[in-house]
PDB file of N, CA and C in Angstrom:
ATOM      1  N   MET A   1      -3.948   0.782  10.140  1.00  0.00           N
ATOM      2  CA  MET A   1      -4.086  -0.593  10.797  1.00  0.00           C
ATOM      3  C   MET A   1      -3.726  -1.003  12.239  1.00  0.00           C
ATOM      4  N   ILE A   2      -4.534  -2.051  12.275  1.00  0.00           N
ATOM      5  CA  ILE A   2      -4.828  -2.478  13.748  1.00  0.00           C
ATOM      6  C   ILE A   2      -4.254  -3.919  13.629  1.00  0.00           C
ATOM      7  N   LYS A   3      -3.234  -5.116  14.506  1.00  0.00           N
ATOM      8  CA  LYS A   3      -2.832  -6.098  14.305  1.00  0.00           C
ATOM      9  C   LYS A   3      -3.721  -6.084  15.498  1.00  0.00           C
ATOM     10  N   VAL A   4      -4.929  -7.662  15.881  1.00  0.00           N
ATOM     11  CA  VAL A   4      -5.577  -7.986  16.732  1.00  0.00           C
ATOM     12  C   VAL A   4      -5.437  -9.619  16.619  1.00  0.00           C
ATOM     13  N   GLU A   5      -5.889  -9.647  18.393  1.00  0.00           N
ATOM     14  CA  GLU A   5      -5.707 -11.394  18.448  1.00  0.00           C
ATOM     15  C   GLU A   5      -6.742 -11.608  19.256  1.00  0.00           C
ATOM     16  N   VAL A   6      -7.246 -12.824  18.270  1.00  0.00           N
ATOM     17  CA  VAL A   6      -9.304 -13.151  18.763  1.00  0.00           C
ATOM     18  C   VAL A   6      -8.709 -13.998  20.067  1.00  0.00           C
ATOM     19  N   ILE A   7     -10.202 -13.191  20.792  1.00  0.00           N
ATOM     20  CA  ILE A   7     -10.145 -14.338  22.601  1.00  0.00           C
ATOM     21  C   ILE A   7     -11.904 -14.056  22.541  1.00  0.00           C
ATOM     22  N   GLU A   8     -12.738 -14.285  21.413  1.00  0.00           N
ATOM     23  CA  GLU A   8     -13.684 -15.219  21.594  1.00  0.00           C
ATOM     24  C   GLU A   8     -14.104 -15.812  19.702  1.00  0.00           C
ATOM     25  N   SER A   9     -13.696 -16.994  19.385  1.00  0.00           N
ATOM     26  CA  SER A   9     -14.376 -17.082  17.883  1.00  0.00           C
ATOM     27  C   SER A   9     -15.474 -16.522  17.635  1.00  0.00           C
ATOM     28  N   PHE A  10     -15.376 -16.182  16.140  1.00  0.00           N
ATOM     29  CA  PHE A  10     -16.845 -15.662  15.745  1.00  0.00           C
ATOM     30  C   PHE A  10     -16.491 -15.969  14.029  1.00  0.00           C
ATOM     31  N   THR A  11     -17.259 -16.121  13.216  1.00  0.00           N
ATOM     32  CA  THR A  11     -17.731 -15.652  12.021  1.00  0.00           C
ATOM     33  C   THR A  11     -17.646 -14.112  11.387  1.00  0.00           C
ATOM     34  N   LEU A  12     -17.462 -13.712  10.629  1.00  0.00           N
ATOM     35  CA  LEU A  12     -16.989 -12.856  10.040  1.00  0.00           C
ATOM     36  C   LEU A  12     -17.697 -12.646   8.444  1.00  0.00           C
ATOM     37  N   GLU A  13     -18.560 -11.737   7.967  1.00  0.00           N
ATOM     38  CA  GLU A  13     -18.909 -11.908   6.783  1.00  0.00           C
ATOM     39  C   GLU A  13     -17.596 -11.283   5.789  1.00  0.00           C
ATOM     40  N   ARG A  14     -17.193  -9.894   6.631  1.00  0.00           N
ATOM     41  CA  ARG A  14     -16.148  -9.323   6.249  1.00  0.00           C
ATOM     42  C   ARG A  14     -14.463  -9.493   5.792  1.00  0.00           C
ATOM     43  N   PHE A  15     -14.720 -10.964   5.767  1.00  0.00           N
ATOM     44  CA  PHE A  15     -13.662 -11.776   5.485  1.00  0.00           C
ATOM     45  C   PHE A  15     -12.767 -11.009   5.095  1.00  0.00           C
ATOM     46  N   ASN A  16     -13.276 -10.598   3.585  1.00  0.00           N
ATOM     47  CA  ASN A  16     -11.843 -10.101   2.886  1.00  0.00           C
ATOM     48  C   ASN A  16     -11.936  -9.059   3.372  1.00  0.00           C
ATOM     49  N   GLU A  17     -11.787  -8.101   4.569  1.00  0.00           N
ATOM     50  CA  GLU A  17     -11.332  -7.081   4.963  1.00  0.00           C
ATOM     51  C   GLU A  17     -10.185  -6.961   5.883  1.00  0.00           C
ATOM     52  N   LEU A  18      -9.316  -8.333   6.368  1.00  0.00           N
ATOM     53  CA  LEU A  18      -9.095  -8.768   6.921  1.00  0.00           C
ATOM     54  C   LEU A  18      -7.368  -9.314   6.577  1.00  0.00           C
ATOM     55  N   LYS A  19      -6.122  -9.013   7.080  1.00  0.00           N
ATOM     56  CA  LYS A  19      -4.889  -8.949   6.287  1.00  0.00           C
ATOM     57  C   LYS A  19      -4.028  -9.769   6.845  1.00  0.00           C
ATOM     58  N   ASN A  20      -3.136 -10.280   6.752  1.00  0.00           N
ATOM     59  CA  ASN A  20      -2.168 -11.110   7.147  1.00  0.00           C
ATOM     60  C   ASN A  20      -2.792 -12.436   8.305  1.00  0.00           C
ATOM     61  N   ILE A  21      -3.933 -12.791   8.019  1.00  0.00           N
ATOM     62  CA  ILE A  21      -4.156 -14.150   9.124  1.00  0.00           C
ATOM     63  C   ILE A  21      -3.019 -15.053   9.359  1.00  0.00           C
ATOM     64  N   VAL A  22      -2.453 -14.917  10.758  1.00  0.00           N
ATOM     65  CA  VAL A  22      -1.661 -16.077  11.367  1.00  0.00           C
ATOM     66  C   VAL A  22      -3.147 -16.888  12.083  1.00  0.00           C
ATOM     67  N   ARG A  23      -3.212 -18.409  11.824  1.00  0.00           N
ATOM     68  CA  ARG A  23      -3.728 -18.965  12.741  1.00  0.00           C
ATOM     69  C   ARG A  23      -3.467 -19.728  13.399  1.00  0.00           C
ATOM     70  N   VAL A  24      -4.111 -20.198  14.755  1.00  0.00           N
ATOM     71  CA  VAL A  24      -3.393 -20.949  15.447  1.00  0.00           C
ATOM     72  C   VAL A  24      -4.272 -22.143  15.458  1.00  0.00           C
ATOM     73  N   GLY A  25      -5.961 -21.856  15.141  1.00  0.00           N
ATOM     74  CA  GLY A  25      -6.916 -22.734  15.709  1.00  0.00           C
ATOM     75  C   GLY A  25      -6.947 -23.030  14.210  1.00  0.00           C
ATOM     76  N   GLN A  26      -8.030 -24.036  14.065  1.00  0.00           N
ATOM     77  CA  GLN A  26      -8.281 -25.670  12.631  1.00  0.00           C
ATOM     78  C   GLN A  26      -8.797 -24.320  12.162  1.00  0.00           C
ATOM     79  N   ASP A  27      -8.091 -24.795  10.827  1.00  0.00           N
ATOM     80  CA  ASP A  27      -8.539 -23.256   9.786  1.00  0.00           C
ATOM     81  C   ASP A  27      -9.849 -23.359   8.967  1.00  0.00           C
ATOM     82  N   THR A  28     -11.009 -22.975   9.316  1.00  0.00           N
ATOM     83  CA  THR A  28     -12.605 -23.063   9.025  1.00  0.00           C
ATOM     84  C   THR A  28     -12.478 -22.110   7.945  1.00  0.00           C
ATOM     85  N   LYS A  29     -13.633 -22.569   7.340  1.00  0.00           N
ATOM     86  CA  LYS A  29     -14.763 -21.754   6.111  1.00  0.00           C
ATOM     87  C   LYS A  29     -14.853 -19.966   7.305  1.00  0.00           C
ATOM     88  N   ASN A  30     -14.744 -19.351   7.048  1.00  0.00           N
ATOM     89  CA  ASN A  30     -14.932 -17.868   7.333  1.00  0.00           C
ATOM     90  C   ASN A  30     -15.256 -17.875   8.824  1.00  0.00           C
ATOM     91  N   LYS A  31     -14.170 -18.788   9.911  1.00  0.00           N
ATOM     92  CA  LYS A  31     -14.177 -18.385  10.994  1.00  0.00           C
ATOM     93  C   LYS A  31     -13.057 -18.184  11.426  1.00  0.00           C
ATOM     94  N   LEU A  32     -13.172 -17.842  12.999  1.00  0.00           N
ATOM     95  CA  LEU A  32     -11.894 -17.010  13.430  1.00  0.00           C
ATOM     96  C   LEU A  32     -11.506 -17.760  15.019  1.00  0.00           C
ATOM     97  N   ASN A  33     -10.553 -18.243  15.163  1.00  0.00           N
ATOM     98  CA  ASN A  33     -10.879 -19.058  16.225  1.00  0.00           C
ATOM     99  C   ASN A  33      -9.664 -18.343  17.429  1.00  0.00           C
ATOM    100  N   VAL A  34      -9.896 -18.812  18.908  1.00  0.00           N
ATOM    101  CA  VAL A  34      -9.280 -18.123  19.578  1.00  0.00           C
ATOM    102  C   VAL A  34      -7.858 -17.950  19.638  1.00  0.00           C
ATOM    103  N   GLY A  35      -7.084 -17.455  19.319  1.00  0.00           N
ATOM    104  CA  GLY A  35      -5.431 -17.282  19.441  1.00  0.00           C
ATOM    105  C   GLY A  35      -5.344 -16.547  17.688  1.00  0.00           C
ATOM    106  N   ASP A  36      -5.586 -16.710  16.915  1.00  0.00           N
ATOM    107  CA  ASP A  36      -5.618 -16.287  15.726  1.00  0.00           C
ATOM    108  C   ASP A  36      -5.526 -14.676  15.868  1.00  0.00           C
ATOM    109  N   LYS A  37      -4.596 -14.003  14.770  1.00  0.00           N
ATOM    110  CA  LYS A  37      -4.428 -13.063  14.690  1.00  0.00           C
ATOM    111  C   LYS A  37      -4.441 -12.572  13.373  1.00  0.00           C
ATOM    112  N   PHE A  38      -4.945 -11.300  13.436  1.00  0.00           N
ATOM    113  CA  PHE A  38      -4.796 -10.645  12.099  1.00  0.00           C
ATOM    114  C   PHE A  38      -4.651  -8.812  12.635  1.00  0.00           C
ATOM    115  N   GLU A  39      -4.663  -8.208  10.407  1.00  0.00           N
ATOM    116  CA  GLU A  39      -4.973  -7.150  10.683  1.00  0.00           C
ATOM    117  C   GLU A  39      -5.721  -6.879  10.286  1.00  0.00           C
ATOM    118  N   CYS A  40      -6.265  -5.325  10.405  1.00  0.00           N
ATOM    119  CA  CYS A  40      -7.236  -4.937   9.860  1.00  0.00           C
ATOM    120  C   CYS A  40      -7.809  -3.583  10.057  1.00  0.00           C
ATOM    121  N   THR A  41      -8.548  -2.499   9.527  1.00  0.00           N
ATOM    122  CA  THR A  41      -8.610  -1.080   9.763  1.00  0.00           C
ATOM    123  C   THR A  41      -9.236  -0.978  10.773  1.00  0.00           C
ATOM    124  N   LYS A  42      -9.312   0.079  11.433  1.00  0.00           N
ATOM    125  CA  LYS A  42      -9.602   0.977  12.751  1.00  0.00           C
ATOM    126  C   LYS A  42     -10.814   0.928  12.757  1.00  0.00           C
ATOM    127  N   GLU A  43     -12.009   0.682  11.878  1.00  0.00           N
ATOM    128  CA  GLU A  43     -12.812   0.910  11.912  1.00  0.00           C
ATOM    129  C   GLU A  43     -13.638  -1.162  11.867  1.00  0.00           C
ATOM    130  N   LEU A  44     -13.533  -1.768  10.990  1.00  0.00           N
ATOM    131  CA  LEU A  44     -13.296  -3.233  11.635  1.00  0.00           C
ATOM    132  C   LEU A  44     -12.970  -3.385  13.142  1.00  0.00           C
ATOM    133  N   ALA A  45     -12.324  -2.857  13.360  1.00  0.00           N
ATOM    134  CA  ALA A  45     -11.436  -3.183  14.641  1.00  0.00           C
ATOM    135  C   ALA A  45     -12.711  -2.497  16.279  1.00  0.00           C
ATOM    136  N   ASP A  46     -12.577  -1.383  15.753  1.00  0.00           N
ATOM    137  CA  ASP A  46     -13.761  -0.650  16.496  1.00  0.00           C
ATOM    138  C   ASP A  46     -15.099  -1.696  16.773  1.00  0.00           C
ATOM    139  N   TYR A  47     -15.226  -2.153  15.696  1.00  0.00           N
ATOM    140  CA  TYR A  47     -16.626  -3.194  15.847  1.00  0.00           C
ATOM    141  C   TYR A  47     -16.688  -4.946  16.560  1.00  0.00           C
ATOM    142  N   LEU A  48     -15.187  -4.445  16.090  1.00  0.00           N
ATOM    143  CA  LEU A  48     -14.441  -6.083  16.880  1.00  0.00           C
ATOM    144  C   LEU A  48     -14.400  -6.210  18.428  1.00  0.00           C
ATOM    145  N   LEU A  49     -14.322  -4.660  18.955  1.00  0.00           N
ATOM    146  CA  LEU A  49     -13.540  -4.781  20.343  1.00  0.00           C
ATOM    147  C   LEU A  49     -14.876  -4.078  21.192  1.00  0.00           C
ATOM    148  N   GLY A  50     -16.429  -4.460  20.232  1.00  0.00           N
ATOM    149  CA  GLY A  50     -17.256  -4.254  21.043  1.00  0.00           C
ATOM    150  C   GLY A  50     -18.450  -3.143  20.245  1.00  0.00           C
ATOM    151  N   ASP A  51     -18.028  -2.054  19.161  1.00  0.00           N
ATOM    152  CA  ASP A  51     -19.371  -1.690  19.014  1.00  0.00           C
ATOM    153  C   ASP A  51     -20.137  -2.469  17.964  1.00  0.00           C
ATOM    154  N   ASN A  52     -20.473  -3.927  18.337  1.00  0.00           N
ATOM    155  CA  ASN A  52     -21.521  -3.905  17.507  1.00  0.00           C
ATOM    156  C   ASN A  52     -22.798  -4.669  18.220  1.00  0.00           C
ATOM    157  N   LYS A  53     -23.689  -5.483  17.892  1.00  0.00           N
ATOM    158  CA  LYS A  53     -24.499  -5.168  17.671  1.00  0.00           C
ATOM    159  C   LYS A  53     -24.679  -6.253  18.880  1.00  0.00           C
ATOM    160  N   LEU A  54     -23.909  -7.073  18.995  1.00  0.00           N
ATOM    161  CA  LEU A  54     -23.913  -7.752  21.022  1.00  0.00           C
ATOM    162  C   LEU A  54     -23.579  -7.084  21.898  1.00  0.00           C
ATOM    163  N   LYS A  55     -22.501  -6.006  21.691  1.00  0.00           N
ATOM    164  CA  LYS A  55     -21.587  -5.561  22.493  1.00  0.00           C
ATOM    165  C   LYS A  55     -20.389  -6.076  23.097  1.00  0.00           C
ATOM    166  N   ARG A  56     -20.381  -6.767  22.728  1.00  0.00           N
ATOM    167  CA  ARG A  56     -19.082  -7.389  23.154  1.00  0.00           C
ATOM    168  C   ARG A  56     -17.795  -7.748  22.366  1.00  0.00           C
ATOM    169  N   PRO A  57     -16.823  -7.582  22.999  1.00  0.00           N
ATOM    170  CA  PRO A  57     -15.162  -7.850  22.129  1.00  0.00           C
ATOM    171  C   PRO A  57     -15.250  -8.710  21.752  1.00  0.00           C
ATOM    172  N   PHE A  58     -13.909  -9.053  20.943  1.00  0.00           N
ATOM    173  CA  PHE A  58     -13.894 -10.280  20.255  1.00  0.00           C
ATOM    174  C   PHE A  58     -12.730 -10.539  19.809  1.00  0.00           C
ATOM    175  N   VAL A  59     -11.852  -9.237  19.868  1.00  0.00           N
ATOM    176  CA  VAL A  59     -10.599  -9.329  20.037  1.00  0.00           C
ATOM    177  C   VAL A  59      -9.610  -8.252  20.614  1.00  0.00           C
ATOM    178  N   ARG A  60      -8.614  -8.421  21.105  1.00  0.00           N
ATOM    179  CA  ARG A  60      -7.799  -7.342  21.723  1.00  0.00           C
ATOM    180  C   ARG A  60      -6.679  -6.495  20.894  1.00  0.00           C
ATOM    181  N   VAL A  61      -6.587  -5.871  20.869  1.00  0.00           N
ATOM    182  CA  VAL A  61      -5.276  -4.971  20.510  1.00  0.00           C
ATOM    183  C   VAL A  61      -3.819  -5.531  21.078  1.00  0.00           C
ATOM    184  N   ILE A  62      -3.132  -5.921  19.590  1.00  0.00           N
ATOM    185  CA  ILE A  62      -2.010  -6.203  19.966  1.00  0.00           C
ATOM    186  C   ILE A  62      -0.897  -5.124  19.501  1.00  0.00           C
ATOM    187  N   GLU A  63      -1.312  -4.188  18.426  1.00  0.00           N
ATOM    188  CA  GLU A  63      -0.373  -3.544  17.815  1.00  0.00           C
ATOM    189  C   GLU A  63      -0.807  -2.174  16.982  1.00  0.00           C
ATOM    190  N   ILE A  64      -0.698  -0.993  16.983  1.00  0.00           N
ATOM    191  CA  ILE A  64      -1.184  -0.271  16.162  1.00  0.00           C
ATOM    192  C   ILE A  64      -0.316  -0.130  15.189  1.00  0.00           C
ATOM    193  N   ILE A  65      -0.400  -0.155  13.564  1.00  0.00           N
ATOM    194  CA  ILE A  65       0.337  -0.047  12.903  1.00  0.00           C
ATOM    195  C   ILE A  65       0.534   1.522  12.611  1.00  0.00           C
ATOM    196  N   PRO A  66       1.740   1.799  12.284  1.00  0.00           N
ATOM    197  CA  PRO A  66       1.567   3.383  11.575  1.00  0.00           C
ATOM    198  C   PRO A  66       1.240   3.464  10.029  1.00  0.00           C
ATOM    199  N   VAL A  67       0.970   4.482   9.665  1.00  0.00           N
ATOM    200  CA  VAL A  67       0.600   4.768   8.329  1.00  0.00           C
ATOM    201  C   VAL A  67       1.628   5.166   8.043  1.00  0.00           C
ATOM    202  N   GLU A  68       2.727   4.938   6.909  1.00  0.00           N
ATOM    203  CA  GLU A  68       4.186   4.761   6.652  1.00  0.00           C
ATOM    204  C   GLU A  68       3.475   6.672   5.469  1.00  0.00           C
ATOM    205  N   THR A  69       4.425   7.574   5.960  1.00  0.00           N
ATOM    206  CA  THR A  69       3.938   8.578   5.234  1.00  0.00           C
ATOM    207  C   THR A  69       5.770   8.323   3.996  1.00  0.00           C
ATOM    208  N   PRO A  70       6.107   8.510   2.884  1.00  0.00           N
ATOM    209  CA  PRO A  70       6.886   8.712   1.924  1.00  0.00           C
ATOM    210  C   PRO A  70       7.802   9.643   2.751  1.00  0.00           C
ATOM    211  N   THR A  71       8.974   9.327   2.913  1.00  0.00           N
ATOM    212  CA  THR A  71      10.140  10.835   3.038  1.00  0.00           C
ATOM    213  C   THR A  71      10.905  10.719   2.163  1.00  0.00           C
ATOM    214  N   LEU A  72      11.509  12.067   2.456  1.00  0.00           N
ATOM    215  CA  LEU A  72      12.471  12.208   0.986  1.00  0.00           C
ATOM    216  C   LEU A  72      13.565  12.379   1.586  1.00  0.00           C
ATOM    217  N   ASN A  73      15.134  11.271   0.537  1.00  0.00           N
ATOM    218  CA  ASN A  73      16.193  11.183   1.246  1.00  0.00           C
ATOM    219  C   ASN A  73      16.673  12.838   0.407  1.00  0.00           C
ATOM    220  N   GLU A  74      18.341  12.710   1.387  1.00  0.00           N
ATOM    221  CA  GLU A  74      19.016  13.863   0.533  1.00  0.00           C
ATOM    222  C   GLU A  74      19.118  14.564  -1.326  1.00  0.00           C
ATOM    223  N   LYS A  75      18.915  13.113  -1.571  1.00  0.00           N
ATOM    224  CA  LYS A  75      19.001  13.204  -3.147  1.00  0.00           C
ATOM    225  C   LYS A  75      18.201  14.075  -3.608  1.00  0.00           C
ATOM    226  N   ASP A  76      16.942  13.514  -3.510  1.00  0.00           N
ATOM    227  CA  ASP A  76      15.682  13.598  -4.124  1.00  0.00           C
ATOM    228  C   ASP A  76      15.846  15.291  -3.616  1.00  0.00           C
ATOM    229  N   ILE A  77      15.845  15.633  -2.655  1.00  0.00           N
ATOM    230  CA  ILE A  77      15.630  17.356  -1.494  1.00  0.00           C
ATOM    231  C   ILE A  77      16.526  18.103  -3.207  1.00  0.00           C
ATOM    232  N   LYS A  78      18.286  17.556  -2.987  1.00  0.00           N
ATOM    233  CA  LYS A  78      18.573  18.344  -4.011  1.00  0.00           C
ATOM    234  C   LYS A  78      18.132  18.249  -5.400  1.00  0.00           C
ATOM    235  N   LYS A  79      17.687  17.656  -5.725  1.00  0.00           N
ATOM    236  CA  LYS A  79      17.051  17.560  -7.339  1.00  0.00           C
ATOM    237  C   LYS A  79      15.801  18.596  -7.614  1.00  0.00           C
ATOM    238  N   SER A  80      14.705  18.289  -6.148  1.00  0.00           N
ATOM    239  CA  SER A  80      13.965  19.430  -6.103  1.00  0.00           C
ATOM    240  C   SER A  80      14.446  20.740  -6.726  1.00  0.00           C
ATOM    241  N   LYS A  81      15.658  20.767  -5.761  1.00  0.00           N
ATOM    242  CA  LYS A  81      15.952  21.996  -5.212  1.00  0.00           C
ATOM    243  C   LYS A  81      16.641  22.867  -6.536  1.00  0.00           C
ATOM    244  N   LYS A  82      17.596  22.105  -7.799  1.00  0.00           N
ATOM    245  CA  LYS A  82      17.877  22.742  -8.876  1.00  0.00           C
ATOM    246  C   LYS A  82      16.714  22.328  -9.903  1.00  0.00           C
ATOM    247  N   THR A  83      15.507  21.583  -9.799  1.00  0.00           N
ATOM    248  CA  THR A  83      14.384  21.464 -10.769  1.00  0.00           C
ATOM    249  C   THR A  83      13.938  23.006 -10.614  1.00  0.00           C
ATOM    250  N   THR A  84      13.784  23.347  -9.370  1.00  0.00           N
ATOM    251  CA  THR A  84      12.961  24.622  -9.130  1.00  0.00           C
ATOM    252  C   THR A  84      14.087  25.974  -9.212  1.00  0.00           C
ATOM    253  N   LYS A  85      15.396  25.965  -9.696  1.00  0.00           N
ATOM    254  CA  LYS A  85      16.135  26.885  -9.738  1.00  0.00           C
ATOM    255  C   LYS A  85      15.834  27.026 -11.373  1.00  0.00           C
ATOM    256  N   LYS A  86      16.149  25.729 -11.684  1.00  0.00           N
ATOM    257  CA  LYS A  86      15.904  26.085 -13.793  1.00  0.00           C
ATOM    258  C   LYS A  86      14.500  26.672 -13.587  1.00  0.00           C
ATOM    259  N   LYS A  87      13.293  26.149 -13.650  1.00  0.00           N
ATOM    260  CA  LYS A  87      12.147  26.775 -13.459  1.00  0.00           C
ATOM    261  C   LYS A  87      11.860  27.912 -13.766  1.00  0.00           C
ATOM    262  N   SER A  88      12.451  28.735 -12.449  1.00  0.00           N
ATOM    263  CA  SER A  88      12.272  30.057 -11.855  1.00  0.00           C
ATOM    264  C   SER A  88      12.922  30.569 -12.718  1.00  0.00           C
ATOM    265  N   THR A  89      14.910  30.402 -12.926  1.00  0.00           N
ATOM    266  CA  THR A  89      14.946  31.616 -14.033  1.00  0.00           C
ATOM    267  C   THR A  89      14.741  31.495 -15.435  1.00  0.00           C
ATOM    268  N   LYS A  90      13.787  30.935 -16.088  1.00  0.00           N
ATOM    269  CA  LYS A  90      13.632  31.303 -17.093  1.00  0.00           C
ATOM    270  C   LYS A  90      12.117  31.881 -17.606  1.00  0.00           C
TER     271      LYS A  90
END
């Protein structure tokens, strides 16, 4: 996910792909105004950064949100080792 800020107002048909919209301007149907911020996929961000028919950027990147990978805590590791030992002794 990528967090972006609108630098040029635009209307977006794929509005349902946006997440956590923070509106600065007046809230109008399917229109994003300068200063509005939201999160979107990399593909949509690329499109809005200029990979569109107009070849014009509509947003600027504020933050790249890393994909969280689940981590095992110490208890999970010990539990996993015990389960593995039990299976191998049978």
